[in-house]
């Protein structure tokens, strides 16, 4: 019973999630030689401000303005 976990940035559409789950399930079932019903796919969405690569955050914290943009005016 294969379990696949996919970590990706938050904000994907329901259609994109459904398409991804279908395609991953098809590939794993074929490769593992098991029925589709035996494949579990877990999608975990992460805000880009909690994701980093190469020592750099992928996005600003939700309450911080992006680099080069003005913050809220008081």
Protein backbone atom coordinates (compact mmCIF):
# COMPACT_ATOMS: atom_id res chain seq x y z
CA UNK A 1 0.00 0.00 0.00
CA UNK A 2 2.10 2.95 -1.27
CA UNK A 3 1.80 6.34 0.41
CA UNK A 4 3.02 9.41 -1.48
CA UNK A 5 3.43 12.77 0.25
CA UNK A 6 3.72 15.92 -1.83
CA UNK A 7 4.85 19.17 -0.23
CA UNK A 8 4.11 22.28 -2.27
CA UNK A 9 3.32 25.93 -1.88
CA UNK A 10 -0.15 26.90 -0.77
CA UNK A 11 -2.60 28.41 -3.18
CA UNK A 12 -3.14 25.62 -5.70
CA UNK A 13 -6.60 25.25 -7.16
CA UNK A 14 -8.89 22.31 -6.45
CA UNK A 15 -8.54 21.33 -10.12
CA UNK A 16 -4.73 21.31 -9.88
CA UNK A 17 -4.85 19.18 -6.72
CA UNK A 18 -7.30 16.71 -8.28
CA UNK A 19 -5.23 16.45 -11.47
CA UNK A 20 -2.02 15.89 -9.50
CA UNK A 21 -3.60 13.22 -7.31
CA UNK A 22 -4.97 11.39 -10.37
CA UNK A 23 -1.66 11.47 -12.24
CA UNK A 24 0.43 10.44 -9.24
CA UNK A 25 -2.00 7.64 -8.40
CA UNK A 26 -1.89 6.36 -11.99
CA UNK A 27 1.93 6.37 -12.06
CA UNK A 28 2.39 4.73 -8.65
CA UNK A 29 -0.26 2.07 -9.27
CA UNK A 30 1.37 1.17 -12.58
CA UNK A 31 4.90 1.18 -11.18
CA UNK A 32 4.04 -0.74 -8.02
CA UNK A 33 1.65 -3.11 -9.76
CA UNK A 34 -1.12 -2.41 -7.29
CA UNK A 35 -4.72 -1.26 -7.63
CA UNK A 36 -5.44 2.46 -7.60
CA UNK A 37 -7.41 1.97 -4.39
CA UNK A 38 -4.20 0.93 -2.61
CA UNK A 39 -2.44 4.24 -3.35
CA UNK A 40 -2.70 7.07 -0.83
CA UNK A 41 -1.63 10.59 -1.81
CA UNK A 42 -1.18 13.28 0.84
CA UNK A 43 -0.91 16.91 -0.26
CA UNK A 44 0.68 19.30 2.24
CA UNK A 45 0.53 22.98 1.39
CA UNK A 46 3.07 25.33 2.90
CA UNK A 47 3.12 29.11 2.83
CA UNK A 48 6.19 30.26 0.85
CA UNK A 49 7.35 32.23 3.89
CA UNK A 50 8.00 28.88 5.59
CA UNK A 51 9.85 27.40 2.60
CA UNK A 52 13.49 28.03 1.77
CA UNK A 53 16.04 26.86 -0.76
CA UNK A 54 19.69 27.78 -0.90
CA UNK A 55 19.45 29.66 2.37
CA UNK A 56 16.75 32.05 1.11
CA UNK A 57 13.08 32.15 2.04
CA UNK A 58 10.78 31.71 -0.94
CA UNK A 59 8.44 34.47 0.21
CA UNK A 60 7.90 37.09 2.88
CA UNK A 61 5.95 36.35 6.03
CA UNK A 62 2.22 37.02 5.48
CA UNK A 63 2.40 40.16 7.65
CA UNK A 64 5.56 41.52 5.99
CA UNK A 65 5.67 43.37 2.67
CA UNK A 66 7.62 41.75 -0.16
CA UNK A 67 11.07 43.15 -0.81
CA UNK A 68 10.90 46.35 -2.83
CA UNK A 69 7.28 47.08 -1.95
CA UNK A 70 5.94 49.67 0.40
CA UNK A 71 4.46 48.53 3.65
CA UNK A 72 1.16 49.73 5.03
CA UNK A 73 0.88 53.45 5.57
CA UNK A 74 -0.04 54.72 8.98
